[in-house]
PDB file of N, CA and C in Angstrom:
ATOM      1  N   MET A   1       8.928  -2.235  13.248  1.00  0.00           N
ATOM      2  CA  MET A   1       9.066  -0.117  12.147  1.00  0.00           C
ATOM      3  C   MET A   1       9.438  -0.856  11.452  1.00  0.00           C
ATOM      4  N   LEU A   2      11.212  -1.417  10.907  1.00  0.00           N
ATOM      5  CA  LEU A   2      10.986  -1.398  10.016  1.00  0.00           C
ATOM      6  C   LEU A   2      10.471  -1.894   8.820  1.00  0.00           C
ATOM      7  N   ILE A   3       9.386  -3.141   8.653  1.00  0.00           N
ATOM      8  CA  ILE A   3       8.622  -4.243   7.777  1.00  0.00           C
ATOM      9  C   ILE A   3       7.753  -2.239   7.823  1.00  0.00           C
ATOM     10  N   LEU A   4       7.695  -2.145   8.763  1.00  0.00           N
ATOM     11  CA  LEU A   4       6.563  -1.224   8.060  1.00  0.00           C
ATOM     12  C   LEU A   4       7.011   0.448   7.533  1.00  0.00           C
ATOM     13  N   GLY A   5       7.816   0.257   7.558  1.00  0.00           N
ATOM     14  CA  GLY A   5       8.393   1.384   6.516  1.00  0.00           C
ATOM     15  C   GLY A   5       8.789   0.659   4.840  1.00  0.00           C
ATOM     16  N   PHE A   6       9.314  -0.909   5.427  1.00  0.00           N
ATOM     17  CA  PHE A   6       9.892  -0.787   4.020  1.00  0.00           C
ATOM     18  C   PHE A   6       8.463  -1.716   3.206  1.00  0.00           C
ATOM     19  N   PHE A   7       7.315  -1.456   4.005  1.00  0.00           N
ATOM     20  CA  PHE A   7       6.160  -1.854   3.543  1.00  0.00           C
ATOM     21  C   PHE A   7       5.668  -0.698   2.275  1.00  0.00           C
ATOM     22  N   LEU A   8       5.879   0.618   3.103  1.00  0.00           N
ATOM     23  CA  LEU A   8       4.982   1.635   2.680  1.00  0.00           C
ATOM     24  C   LEU A   8       6.227   2.214   1.948  1.00  0.00           C
ATOM     25  N   PHE A   9       7.004   2.491   1.733  1.00  0.00           N
ATOM     26  CA  PHE A   9       7.945   2.079   0.436  1.00  0.00           C
ATOM     27  C   PHE A   9       7.663   1.771  -0.834  1.00  0.00           C
ATOM     28  N   VAL A  10       8.148   0.615  -1.072  1.00  0.00           N
ATOM     29  CA  VAL A  10       7.409  -0.355  -1.700  1.00  0.00           C
ATOM     30  C   VAL A  10       6.165  -0.199  -1.973  1.00  0.00           C
ATOM     31  N   SER A  11       5.279  -0.222  -1.366  1.00  0.00           N
ATOM     32  CA  SER A  11       3.824  -0.461  -2.031  1.00  0.00           C
ATOM     33  C   SER A  11       3.114   0.221  -2.693  1.00  0.00           C
ATOM     34  N   SER A  12       3.914   2.190  -2.150  1.00  0.00           N
ATOM     35  CA  SER A  12       4.040   3.452  -2.341  1.00  0.00           C
ATOM     36  C   SER A  12       4.784   3.104  -3.886  1.00  0.00           C
ATOM     37  N   ILE A  13       5.928   2.976  -4.304  1.00  0.00           N
ATOM     38  CA  ILE A  13       6.451   2.663  -5.163  1.00  0.00           C
ATOM     39  C   ILE A  13       5.769   1.626  -6.313  1.00  0.00           C
ATOM     40  N   LEU A  14       5.534   0.519  -6.078  1.00  0.00           N
ATOM     41  CA  LEU A  14       4.664  -0.758  -6.864  1.00  0.00           C
ATOM     42  C   LEU A  14       3.598   0.326  -7.442  1.00  0.00           C
ATOM     43  N   ASP A  15       2.977   1.137  -6.584  1.00  0.00           N
ATOM     44  CA  ASP A  15       1.749   1.782  -7.094  1.00  0.00           C
ATOM     45  C   ASP A  15       1.865   2.334  -8.006  1.00  0.00           C
ATOM     46  N   PHE A  16       3.157   3.847  -7.790  1.00  0.00           N
ATOM     47  CA  PHE A  16       3.272   4.759  -9.287  1.00  0.00           C
ATOM     48  C   PHE A  16       3.293   3.415 -10.458  1.00  0.00           C
ATOM     49  N   ILE A  17       4.128   2.771 -10.089  1.00  0.00           N
ATOM     50  CA  ILE A  17       4.480   1.686 -11.860  1.00  0.00           C
ATOM     51  C   ILE A  17       3.351   1.084 -12.156  1.00  0.00           C
ATOM     52  N   LEU A  18       2.444   0.617 -11.568  1.00  0.00           N
ATOM     53  CA  LEU A  18       0.883   0.027 -12.059  1.00  0.00           C
ATOM     54  C   LEU A  18       0.494   1.253 -12.367  1.00  0.00           C
ATOM     55  N   ASN A  19       0.217   2.470 -11.914  1.00  0.00           N
ATOM     56  CA  ASN A  19      -0.516   3.501 -12.490  1.00  0.00           C
ATOM     57  C   ASN A  19      -0.454   3.981 -13.563  1.00  0.00           C
ATOM     58  N   LEU A  20       1.004   3.470 -14.151  1.00  0.00           N
ATOM     59  CA  LEU A  20       2.120   4.222 -15.296  1.00  0.00           C
ATOM     60  C   LEU A  20       0.770   3.366 -16.367  1.00  0.00           C
ATOM     61  N   VAL A  21       0.542   1.939 -15.858  1.00  0.00           N
ATOM     62  CA  VAL A  21      -0.179   1.064 -17.122  1.00  0.00           C
ATOM     63  C   VAL A  21      -1.726   0.736 -16.627  1.00  0.00           C
ATOM     64  N   GLY A  22      -2.375   2.148 -15.679  1.00  0.00           N
ATOM     65  CA  GLY A  22      -3.555   1.804 -15.600  1.00  0.00           C
ATOM     66  C   GLY A  22      -4.116   1.340 -14.459  1.00  0.00           C
ATOM     67  N   LEU A  23      -3.596   0.386 -13.934  1.00  0.00           N
ATOM     68  CA  LEU A  23      -3.919  -0.366 -12.763  1.00  0.00           C
ATOM     69  C   LEU A  23      -3.573   0.121 -11.718  1.00  0.00           C
ATOM     70  N   SER A  24      -3.566  -0.339  -9.718  1.00  0.00           N
ATOM     71  CA  SER A  24      -3.506   0.492  -9.002  1.00  0.00           C
ATOM     72  C   SER A  24      -3.901  -0.346  -7.357  1.00  0.00           C
ATOM     73  N   LEU A  25      -3.344  -0.539  -6.426  1.00  0.00           N
ATOM     74  CA  LEU A  25      -3.438  -1.428  -5.851  1.00  0.00           C
ATOM     75  C   LEU A  25      -4.929  -0.993  -4.821  1.00  0.00           C
ATOM     76  N   TYR A  26      -5.398  -2.673  -4.492  1.00  0.00           N
ATOM     77  CA  TYR A  26      -6.470  -2.158  -3.527  1.00  0.00           C
ATOM     78  C   TYR A  26      -7.075  -0.736  -2.844  1.00  0.00           C
ATOM     79  N   GLY A  27      -6.224  -1.134  -1.848  1.00  0.00           N
ATOM     80  CA  GLY A  27      -5.705   0.237  -1.098  1.00  0.00           C
ATOM     81  C   GLY A  27      -5.501   1.768  -1.399  1.00  0.00           C
ATOM     82  N   TYR A  28      -5.027   1.571  -2.698  1.00  0.00           N
ATOM     83  CA  TYR A  28      -4.235   3.063  -2.963  1.00  0.00           C
ATOM     84  C   TYR A  28      -5.928   3.227  -3.750  1.00  0.00           C
ATOM     85  N   ASP A  29      -6.508   2.657  -4.579  1.00  0.00           N
ATOM     86  CA  ASP A  29      -7.564   2.361  -5.270  1.00  0.00           C
ATOM     87  C   ASP A  29      -8.187   3.608  -4.348  1.00  0.00           C
ATOM     88  N   LEU A  30      -8.618   3.539  -3.235  1.00  0.00           N
ATOM     89  CA  LEU A  30      -9.601   4.817  -2.838  1.00  0.00           C
ATOM     90  C   LEU A  30      -9.171   5.932  -2.560  1.00  0.00           C
ATOM     91  N   ILE A  31      -7.634   5.712  -2.086  1.00  0.00           N
ATOM     92  CA  ILE A  31      -7.067   7.458  -2.053  1.00  0.00           C
ATOM     93  C   ILE A  31      -7.498   7.452  -3.614  1.00  0.00           C
ATOM     94  N   ASP A  32      -6.932   7.272  -4.724  1.00  0.00           N
ATOM     95  CA  ASP A  32      -6.860   7.440  -5.909  1.00  0.00           C
ATOM     96  C   ASP A  32      -8.399   8.143  -6.648  1.00  0.00           C
ATOM     97  N   ARG A  33      -9.325   7.302  -5.767  1.00  0.00           N
ATOM     98  CA  ARG A  33     -10.701   7.561  -6.722  1.00  0.00           C
ATOM     99  C   ARG A  33     -11.573   9.200  -5.953  1.00  0.00           C
ATOM    100  N   GLN A  34     -10.272   9.954  -4.958  1.00  0.00           N
ATOM    101  CA  GLN A  34     -10.255  10.991  -4.240  1.00  0.00           C
ATOM    102  C   GLN A  34      -9.892  12.101  -5.213  1.00  0.00           C
ATOM    103  N   GLY A  35      -9.450  11.963  -5.892  1.00  0.00           N
ATOM    104  CA  GLY A  35      -8.771  12.606  -7.013  1.00  0.00           C
ATOM    105  C   GLY A  35      -7.423  12.413  -7.551  1.00  0.00           C
ATOM    106  N   PHE A  36      -6.842  13.026  -8.271  1.00  0.00           N
ATOM    107  CA  PHE A  36      -5.335  12.308  -8.792  1.00  0.00           C
ATOM    108  C   PHE A  36      -4.369  13.056  -8.052  1.00  0.00           C
ATOM    109  N   LEU A  37      -4.191  14.463  -7.979  1.00  0.00           N
ATOM    110  CA  LEU A  37      -3.516  15.320  -6.668  1.00  0.00           C
ATOM    111  C   LEU A  37      -3.513  14.848  -5.685  1.00  0.00           C
ATOM    112  N   VAL A  38      -4.626  14.726  -5.087  1.00  0.00           N
ATOM    113  CA  VAL A  38      -4.761  13.825  -3.543  1.00  0.00           C
ATOM    114  C   VAL A  38      -3.961  12.695  -3.478  1.00  0.00           C
ATOM    115  N   GLY A  39      -4.404  11.839  -4.450  1.00  0.00           N
ATOM    116  CA  GLY A  39      -3.745  10.006  -4.799  1.00  0.00           C
ATOM    117  C   GLY A  39      -2.507  10.569  -4.848  1.00  0.00           C
ATOM    118  N   LEU A  40      -1.826  11.135  -5.168  1.00  0.00           N
ATOM    119  CA  LEU A  40      -0.350  11.727  -5.977  1.00  0.00           C
ATOM    120  C   LEU A  40       0.304  12.265  -4.027  1.00  0.00           C
ATOM    121  N   VAL A  41       0.002  12.669  -3.404  1.00  0.00           N
ATOM    122  CA  VAL A  41      -0.022  13.371  -2.824  1.00  0.00           C
ATOM    123  C   VAL A  41       0.481  12.304  -1.391  1.00  0.00           C
ATOM    124  N   PHE A  42      -0.679  11.725  -1.406  1.00  0.00           N
ATOM    125  CA  PHE A  42      -0.839  10.347   0.004  1.00  0.00           C
ATOM    126  C   PHE A  42       0.276   9.743  -0.909  1.00  0.00           C
ATOM    127  N   LYS A  43       0.180   9.069  -1.825  1.00  0.00           N
ATOM    128  CA  LYS A  43       1.727   8.506  -2.235  1.00  0.00           C
ATOM    129  C   LYS A  43       2.850   8.901  -1.932  1.00  0.00           C
ATOM    130  N   LEU A  44       2.636  10.201  -2.366  1.00  0.00           N
ATOM    131  CA  LEU A  44       4.355  10.843  -2.080  1.00  0.00           C
ATOM    132  C   LEU A  44       5.146  10.706  -0.743  1.00  0.00           C
ATOM    133  N   LEU A  45       3.859  11.118   0.448  1.00  0.00           N
ATOM    134  CA  LEU A  45       3.894  11.282   1.853  1.00  0.00           C
ATOM    135  C   LEU A  45       4.311   9.696   2.463  1.00  0.00           C
ATOM    136  N   CYS A  46       3.724   8.454   2.338  1.00  0.00           N
ATOM    137  CA  CYS A  46       3.542   7.435   2.074  1.00  0.00           C
ATOM    138  C   CYS A  46       4.964   7.097   1.884  1.00  0.00           C
ATOM    139  N   LEU A  47       6.032   7.201   0.525  1.00  0.00           N
ATOM    140  CA  LEU A  47       7.059   6.973   0.146  1.00  0.00           C
ATOM    141  C   LEU A  47       7.862   7.345   1.157  1.00  0.00           C
ATOM    142  N   THR A  48       7.666   9.126   1.176  1.00  0.00           N
ATOM    143  CA  THR A  48       8.359   9.526   2.120  1.00  0.00           C
ATOM    144  C   THR A  48       8.642   9.000   2.976  1.00  0.00           C
ATOM    145  N   ALA A  49       7.577   8.841   4.470  1.00  0.00           N
ATOM    146  CA  ALA A  49       7.539   8.145   5.353  1.00  0.00           C
ATOM    147  C   ALA A  49       8.549   7.050   5.427  1.00  0.00           C
ATOM    148  N   GLY A  50       8.037   6.005   4.884  1.00  0.00           N
ATOM    149  CA  GLY A  50       8.680   4.069   4.231  1.00  0.00           C
ATOM    150  C   GLY A  50       9.948   4.763   4.535  1.00  0.00           C
ATOM    151  N   LEU A  51      10.490   5.606   3.848  1.00  0.00           N
ATOM    152  CA  LEU A  51      12.043   6.145   3.966  1.00  0.00           C
ATOM    153  C   LEU A  51      12.646   6.709   4.661  1.00  0.00           C
ATOM    154  N   THR A  52      12.017   8.054   5.891  1.00  0.00           N
ATOM    155  CA  THR A  52      12.408   8.330   6.876  1.00  0.00           C
ATOM    156  C   THR A  52      11.855   7.162   8.151  1.00  0.00           C
ATOM    157  N   MET A  53      11.343   6.874   7.462  1.00  0.00           N
ATOM    158  CA  MET A  53      11.540   5.012   8.681  1.00  0.00           C
ATOM    159  C   MET A  53      12.634   3.960   8.894  1.00  0.00           C
ATOM    160  N   VAL A  54      12.836   3.435   7.269  1.00  0.00           N
ATOM    161  CA  VAL A  54      13.438   3.114   7.095  1.00  0.00           C
ATOM    162  C   VAL A  54      14.752   3.208   7.889  1.00  0.00           C
ATOM    163  N   TYR A  55      15.382   4.686   7.804  1.00  0.00           N
ATOM    164  CA  TYR A  55      16.571   5.425   7.426  1.00  0.00           C
ATOM    165  C   TYR A  55      16.456   5.291   9.131  1.00  0.00           C
ATOM    166  N   PHE A  56      15.858   5.999   9.765  1.00  0.00           N
ATOM    167  CA  PHE A  56      15.777   5.956  11.405  1.00  0.00           C
ATOM    168  C   PHE A  56      16.112   5.077  12.383  1.00  0.00           C
ATOM    169  N   VAL A  57      15.602   4.037  11.242  1.00  0.00           N
ATOM    170  CA  VAL A  57      15.718   2.734  12.445  1.00  0.00           C
ATOM    171  C   VAL A  57      16.872   1.966  12.269  1.00  0.00           C
ATOM    172  N   GLN A  58      17.865   2.037  10.770  1.00  0.00           N
ATOM    173  CA  GLN A  58      18.927   1.701  10.644  1.00  0.00           C
ATOM    174  C   GLN A  58      20.409   2.790  11.259  1.00  0.00           C
ATOM    175  N   ASN A  59      20.109   4.367  11.174  1.00  0.00           N
ATOM    176  CA  ASN A  59      21.020   4.748  12.045  1.00  0.00           C
ATOM    177  C   ASN A  59      20.984   4.252  13.941  1.00  0.00           C
ATOM    178  N   VAL A  60      19.475   4.254  14.265  1.00  0.00           N
ATOM    179  CA  VAL A  60      19.546   4.234  15.803  1.00  0.00           C
ATOM    180  C   VAL A  60      19.683   3.109  15.980  1.00  0.00           C
ATOM    181  N   ARG A  61      20.654   1.491  14.705  1.00  0.00           N
ATOM    182  CA  ARG A  61      20.625   0.498  15.115  1.00  0.00           C
ATOM    183  C   ARG A  61      22.612  -0.223  15.657  1.00  0.00           C
ATOM    184  N   LYS A  62      23.135   1.068  15.121  1.00  0.00           N
ATOM    185  CA  LYS A  62      24.226   0.908  14.632  1.00  0.00           C
ATOM    186  C   LYS A  62      24.948   2.130  15.894  1.00  0.00           C
TER     187      LYS A  62
END
């Protein structure tokens, strides 16, 4: 679960950065074709879900 959360967080951050220069990751490229707002909302949801997973896994281990 920690790896999945970290992957969601890192991939969404990376795609935000790549979008600044006009590039996109393949998986997010399919979502970006649906429109800017849909892509933005999806990436924000992935970012939030990833952070939430990492946070909860870290707190459960304590």
